[in-house]
Amino acid sequence: MLTTDAHFLLTLHHTHADELRAEADSARLARVATRRSRRNPAQAARRHHRDAASRSPAAR
């Protein structure tokens, strides 16, 4: 049976809004991950090595 209960409609609206927000977050995360994967792996490895060296106690 259909109902026009305000609480039910509000819950339905919030659920749908949460689903849309989750889809947008997922799409945003996919774009960021895709963008990062296009970077040059050799350049990323050099950057990682340089950052690790600057954090090591021997470098101080």
PDB file of N, CA and C in Angstrom:
ATOM      1  N   MET A   1       0.835  -1.171   0.000  1.00  0.00           N
ATOM      2  CA  MET A   1       0.000   0.000   0.000  1.00  0.00           C
ATOM      3  C   MET A   1       0.890   1.247   0.000  1.00  0.00           C
ATOM      4  N   LEU A   2       0.552   2.213  -0.811  1.00  0.00           N
ATOM      5  CA  LEU A   2       1.312   3.453  -0.882  1.00  0.00           C
ATOM      6  C   LEU A   2       0.971   4.345   0.292  1.00  0.00           C
ATOM      7  N   THR A   3       1.976   5.079   0.729  1.00  0.00           N
ATOM      8  CA  THR A   3       1.778   5.983   1.853  1.00  0.00           C
ATOM      9  C   THR A   3       2.395   7.330   1.520  1.00  0.00           C
ATOM     10  N   THR A   4       1.880   8.366   2.118  1.00  0.00           N
ATOM     11  CA  THR A   4       2.446   9.705   1.939  1.00  0.00           C
ATOM     12  C   THR A   4       3.020  10.198   3.260  1.00  0.00           C
ATOM     13  N   ASP A   5       3.413   9.266   4.081  1.00  0.00           N
ATOM     14  CA  ASP A   5       3.985   9.599   5.364  1.00  0.00           C
ATOM     15  C   ASP A   5       5.214  10.484   5.155  1.00  0.00           C
ATOM     16  N   ALA A   6       5.252  11.619   5.786  1.00  0.00           N
ATOM     17  CA  ALA A   6       6.336  12.588   5.603  1.00  0.00           C
ATOM     18  C   ALA A   6       7.683  11.998   6.013  1.00  0.00           C
ATOM     19  N   HIS A   7       7.709  11.216   7.060  1.00  0.00           N
ATOM     20  CA  HIS A   7       8.965  10.611   7.518  1.00  0.00           C
ATOM     21  C   HIS A   7       9.507   9.650   6.464  1.00  0.00           C
ATOM     22  N   PHE A   8       8.623   8.843   5.879  1.00  0.00           N
ATOM     23  CA  PHE A   8       9.035   7.905   4.841  1.00  0.00           C
ATOM     24  C   PHE A   8       9.597   8.657   3.631  1.00  0.00           C
ATOM     25  N   LEU A   9       8.914   9.691   3.194  1.00  0.00           N
ATOM     26  CA  LEU A   9       9.383  10.454   2.034  1.00  0.00           C
ATOM     27  C   LEU A   9      10.720  11.140   2.316  1.00  0.00           C
ATOM     28  N   LEU A  10      10.877  11.657   3.513  1.00  0.00           N
ATOM     29  CA  LEU A  10      12.130  12.299   3.871  1.00  0.00           C
ATOM     30  C   LEU A  10      13.268  11.279   3.924  1.00  0.00           C
ATOM     31  N   THR A  11      12.999  10.105   4.460  1.00  0.00           N
ATOM     32  CA  THR A  11      13.999   9.038   4.500  1.00  0.00           C
ATOM     33  C   THR A  11      14.374   8.604   3.090  1.00  0.00           C
ATOM     34  N   LEU A  12      13.381   8.465   2.231  1.00  0.00           N
ATOM     35  CA  LEU A  12      13.632   8.098   0.840  1.00  0.00           C
ATOM     36  C   LEU A  12      14.488   9.156   0.148  1.00  0.00           C
ATOM     37  N   HIS A  13      14.192  10.418   0.379  1.00  0.00           N
ATOM     38  CA  HIS A  13      14.967  11.514  -0.210  1.00  0.00           C
ATOM     39  C   HIS A  13      16.415  11.465   0.279  1.00  0.00           C
ATOM     40  N   HIS A  14      16.615  11.290   1.584  1.00  0.00           N
ATOM     41  CA  HIS A  14      17.974  11.242   2.133  1.00  0.00           C
ATOM     42  C   HIS A  14      18.749  10.050   1.594  1.00  0.00           C
ATOM     43  N   THR A  15      18.079   8.914   1.461  1.00  0.00           N
ATOM     44  CA  THR A  15      18.733   7.717   0.934  1.00  0.00           C
ATOM     45  C   THR A  15      19.191   7.961  -0.502  1.00  0.00           C
ATOM     46  N   HIS A  16      18.321   8.554  -1.306  1.00  0.00           N
ATOM     47  CA  HIS A  16      18.668   8.835  -2.704  1.00  0.00           C
ATOM     48  C   HIS A  16      19.803   9.850  -2.780  1.00  0.00           C
ATOM     49  N   ALA A  17      19.758  10.863  -1.950  1.00  0.00           N
ATOM     50  CA  ALA A  17      20.820  11.870  -1.934  1.00  0.00           C
ATOM     51  C   ALA A  17      22.146  11.231  -1.529  1.00  0.00           C
ATOM     52  N   ASP A  18      22.112  10.327  -0.550  1.00  0.00           N
ATOM     53  CA  ASP A  18      23.336   9.632  -0.133  1.00  0.00           C
ATOM     54  C   ASP A  18      23.893   8.772  -1.260  1.00  0.00           C
ATOM     55  N   GLU A  19      23.000   8.106  -2.008  1.00  0.00           N
ATOM     56  CA  GLU A  19      23.445   7.291  -3.138  1.00  0.00           C
ATOM     57  C   GLU A  19      24.095   8.158  -4.215  1.00  0.00           C
ATOM     58  N   LEU A  20      23.483   9.303  -4.508  1.00  0.00           N
ATOM     59  CA  LEU A  20      24.053  10.210  -5.514  1.00  0.00           C
ATOM     60  C   LEU A  20      25.407  10.741  -5.056  1.00  0.00           C
ATOM     61  N   ARG A  21      25.526  11.062  -3.774  1.00  0.00           N
ATOM     62  CA  ARG A  21      26.784  11.555  -3.228  1.00  0.00           C
ATOM     63  C   ARG A  21      27.869  10.475  -3.318  1.00  0.00           C
ATOM     64  N   ALA A  22      27.496   9.230  -3.016  1.00  0.00           N
ATOM     65  CA  ALA A  22      28.449   8.125  -3.084  1.00  0.00           C
ATOM     66  C   ALA A  22      28.909   7.901  -4.522  1.00  0.00           C
ATOM     67  N   GLU A  23      27.992   7.993  -5.484  1.00  0.00           N
ATOM     68  CA  GLU A  23      28.369   7.844  -6.894  1.00  0.00           C
ATOM     69  C   GLU A  23      29.317   8.962  -7.329  1.00  0.00           C
ATOM     70  N   ALA A  24      29.046  10.180  -6.886  1.00  0.00           N
ATOM     71  CA  ALA A  24      29.907  11.308  -7.243  1.00  0.00           C
ATOM     72  C   ALA A  24      31.292  11.134  -6.628  1.00  0.00           C
ATOM     73  N   ASP A  25      31.342  10.677  -5.375  1.00  0.00           N
ATOM     74  CA  ASP A  25      32.636  10.436  -4.722  1.00  0.00           C
ATOM     75  C   ASP A  25      33.407   9.344  -5.443  1.00  0.00           C
ATOM     76  N   SER A  26      32.704   8.303  -5.848  1.00  0.00           N
ATOM     77  CA  SER A  26      33.341   7.197  -6.563  1.00  0.00           C
ATOM     78  C   SER A  26      33.907   7.675  -7.901  1.00  0.00           C
ATOM     79  N   ALA A  27      33.135   8.473  -8.616  1.00  0.00           N
ATOM     80  CA  ALA A  27      33.598   8.998  -9.906  1.00  0.00           C
ATOM     81  C   ALA A  27      34.799   9.920  -9.705  1.00  0.00           C
ATOM     82  N   ARG A  28      34.764  10.748  -8.661  1.00  0.00           N
ATOM     83  CA  ARG A  28      35.868  11.659  -8.377  1.00  0.00           C
ATOM     84  C   ARG A  28      37.136  10.872  -8.047  1.00  0.00           C
ATOM     85  N   LEU A  29      36.989   9.826  -7.250  1.00  0.00           N
ATOM     86  CA  LEU A  29      38.124   8.988  -6.891  1.00  0.00           C
ATOM     87  C   LEU A  29      38.692   8.288  -8.127  1.00  0.00           C
ATOM     88  N   ALA A  30      37.826   7.838  -9.015  1.00  0.00           N
ATOM     89  CA  ALA A  30      38.283   7.174 -10.241  1.00  0.00           C
ATOM     90  C   ALA A  30      39.061   8.144 -11.120  1.00  0.00           C
ATOM     91  N   ARG A  31      38.617   9.394 -11.189  1.00  0.00           N
ATOM     92  CA  ARG A  31      39.343  10.391 -11.990  1.00  0.00           C
ATOM     93  C   ARG A  31      40.717  10.662 -11.402  1.00  0.00           C
ATOM     94  N   VAL A  32      40.817  10.763 -10.083  1.00  0.00           N
ATOM     95  CA  VAL A  32      42.099  11.024  -9.431  1.00  0.00           C
ATOM     96  C   VAL A  32      43.038   9.843  -9.646  1.00  0.00           C
ATOM     97  N   ALA A  33      42.531   8.625  -9.477  1.00  0.00           N
ATOM     98  CA  ALA A  33      43.361   7.432  -9.652  1.00  0.00           C
ATOM     99  C   ALA A  33      43.846   7.316 -11.087  1.00  0.00           C
ATOM    100  N   THR A  34      42.999   7.642 -12.041  1.00  0.00           N
ATOM    101  CA  THR A  34      43.386   7.586 -13.449  1.00  0.00           C
ATOM    102  C   THR A  34      44.453   8.630 -13.742  1.00  0.00           C
ATOM    103  N   ARG A  35      44.297   9.796 -13.189  1.00  0.00           N
ATOM    104  CA  ARG A  35      45.257  10.868 -13.400  1.00  0.00           C
ATOM    105  C   ARG A  35      46.617  10.480 -12.840  1.00  0.00           C
ATOM    106  N   ARG A  36      46.643   9.865 -11.663  1.00  0.00           N
ATOM    107  CA  ARG A  36      47.906   9.474 -11.044  1.00  0.00           C
ATOM    108  C   ARG A  36      48.593   8.368 -11.827  1.00  0.00           C
ATOM    109  N   SER A  37      47.817   7.474 -12.422  1.00  0.00           N
ATOM    110  CA  SER A  37      48.427   6.356 -13.132  1.00  0.00           C
ATOM    111  C   SER A  37      49.088   6.800 -14.434  1.00  0.00           C
ATOM    112  N   ARG A  38      48.737   7.976 -14.927  1.00  0.00           N
ATOM    113  CA  ARG A  38      49.340   8.479 -16.162  1.00  0.00           C
ATOM    114  C   ARG A  38      50.721   9.073 -15.939  1.00  0.00           C
ATOM    115  N   ARG A  39      51.088   9.318 -14.701  1.00  0.00           N
ATOM    116  CA  ARG A  39      52.393   9.918 -14.413  1.00  0.00           C
ATOM    117  C   ARG A  39      53.514   8.968 -14.790  1.00  0.00           C
ATOM    118  N   ASN A  40      54.669   9.541 -14.990  1.00  0.00           N
ATOM    119  CA  ASN A  40      55.852   8.778 -15.355  1.00  0.00           C
ATOM    120  C   ASN A  40      56.326   7.973 -14.132  1.00  0.00           C
ATOM    121  N   PRO A  41      56.330   6.625 -14.189  1.00  0.00           N
ATOM    122  CA  PRO A  41      56.734   5.824 -13.029  1.00  0.00           C
ATOM    123  C   PRO A  41      58.174   6.080 -12.597  1.00  0.00           C
ATOM    124  N   ALA A  42      59.069   6.328 -13.541  1.00  0.00           N
ATOM    125  CA  ALA A  42      60.469   6.583 -13.185  1.00  0.00           C
ATOM    126  C   ALA A  42      60.581   7.886 -12.400  1.00  0.00           C
ATOM    127  N   GLN A  43      59.832   8.879 -12.813  1.00  0.00           N
ATOM    128  CA  GLN A  43      59.861  10.158 -12.115  1.00  0.00           C
ATOM    129  C   GLN A  43      59.282  10.000 -10.708  1.00  0.00           C
ATOM    130  N   ALA A  44      58.225   9.223 -10.566  1.00  0.00           N
ATOM    131  CA  ALA A  44      57.635   8.998  -9.249  1.00  0.00           C
ATOM    132  C   ALA A  44      58.605   8.250  -8.344  1.00  0.00           C
ATOM    133  N   ALA A  45      59.342   7.286  -8.899  1.00  0.00           N
ATOM    134  CA  ALA A  45      60.318   6.529  -8.104  1.00  0.00           C
ATOM    135  C   ALA A  45      61.439   7.436  -7.622  1.00  0.00           C
ATOM    136  N   ARG A  46      61.916   8.339  -8.482  1.00  0.00           N
ATOM    137  CA  ARG A  46      62.969   9.279  -8.056  1.00  0.00           C
ATOM    138  C   ARG A  46      62.457  10.188  -6.947  1.00  0.00           C
ATOM    139  N   ARG A  47      61.231  10.651  -7.100  1.00  0.00           N
ATOM    140  CA  ARG A  47      60.652  11.533  -6.092  1.00  0.00           C
ATOM    141  C   ARG A  47      60.525  10.788  -4.764  1.00  0.00           C
ATOM    142  N   HIS A  48      60.066   9.536  -4.813  1.00  0.00           N
ATOM    143  CA  HIS A  48      59.922   8.731  -3.602  1.00  0.00           C
ATOM    144  C   HIS A  48      61.286   8.520  -2.944  1.00  0.00           C
ATOM    145  N   HIS A  49      62.302   8.232  -3.731  1.00  0.00           N
ATOM    146  CA  HIS A  49      63.653   8.011  -3.200  1.00  0.00           C
ATOM    147  C   HIS A  49      64.183   9.284  -2.545  1.00  0.00           C
ATOM    148  N   ARG A  50      63.966  10.408  -3.195  1.00  0.00           N
ATOM    149  CA  ARG A  50      64.436  11.686  -2.659  1.00  0.00           C
ATOM    150  C   ARG A  50      63.712  12.014  -1.351  1.00  0.00           C
ATOM    151  N   ASP A  51      62.395  11.776  -1.294  1.00  0.00           N
ATOM    152  CA  ASP A  51      61.634  12.053  -0.072  1.00  0.00           C
ATOM    153  C   ASP A  51      62.066  11.147   1.073  1.00  0.00           C
ATOM    154  N   ALA A  52      62.320   9.878   0.761  1.00  0.00           N
ATOM    155  CA  ALA A  52      62.745   8.926   1.796  1.00  0.00           C
ATOM    156  C   ALA A  52      64.125   9.321   2.330  1.00  0.00           C
ATOM    157  N   ALA A  53      65.008   9.760   1.466  1.00  0.00           N
ATOM    158  CA  ALA A  53      66.349  10.155   1.896  1.00  0.00           C
ATOM    159  C   ALA A  53      66.294  11.372   2.800  1.00  0.00           C
ATOM    160  N   SER A  54      65.387  12.289   2.526  1.00  0.00           N
ATOM    161  CA  SER A  54      65.302  13.498   3.353  1.00  0.00           C
ATOM    162  C   SER A  54      64.725  13.196   4.735  1.00  0.00           C
ATOM    163  N   ARG A  55      64.003  12.083   4.880  1.00  0.00           N
ATOM    164  CA  ARG A  55      63.434  11.719   6.167  1.00  0.00           C
ATOM    165  C   ARG A  55      64.333  10.824   6.984  1.00  0.00           C
ATOM    166  N   SER A  56      65.358  10.268   6.390  1.00  0.00           N
ATOM    167  CA  SER A  56      66.205   9.314   7.124  1.00  0.00           C
ATOM    168  C   SER A  56      67.075  10.055   8.137  1.00  0.00           C
ATOM    169  N   PRO A  57      67.349   9.423   9.271  1.00  0.00           N
ATOM    170  CA  PRO A  57      68.188  10.061  10.302  1.00  0.00           C
ATOM    171  C   PRO A  57      69.616  10.306   9.824  1.00  0.00           C
ATOM    172  N   ALA A  58      70.133   9.498   8.910  1.00  0.00           N
ATOM    173  CA  ALA A  58      71.499   9.652   8.413  1.00  0.00           C
ATOM    174  C   ALA A  58      71.656  10.923   7.582  1.00  0.00           C
ATOM    175  N   ALA A  59      70.550  11.405   7.028  1.00  0.00           N
ATOM    176  CA  ALA A  59      70.606  12.591   6.180  1.00  0.00           C
ATOM    177  C   ALA A  59      70.656  13.864   6.997  1.00  0.00           C
ATOM    178  N   ARG A  60      70.444  13.766   8.279  1.00  0.00           N
ATOM    179  CA  ARG A  60      70.412  14.976   9.142  1.00  0.00           C
ATOM    180  C   ARG A  60      71.758  15.363   9.632  1.00  0.00           C
TER     181      ARG A  60
END
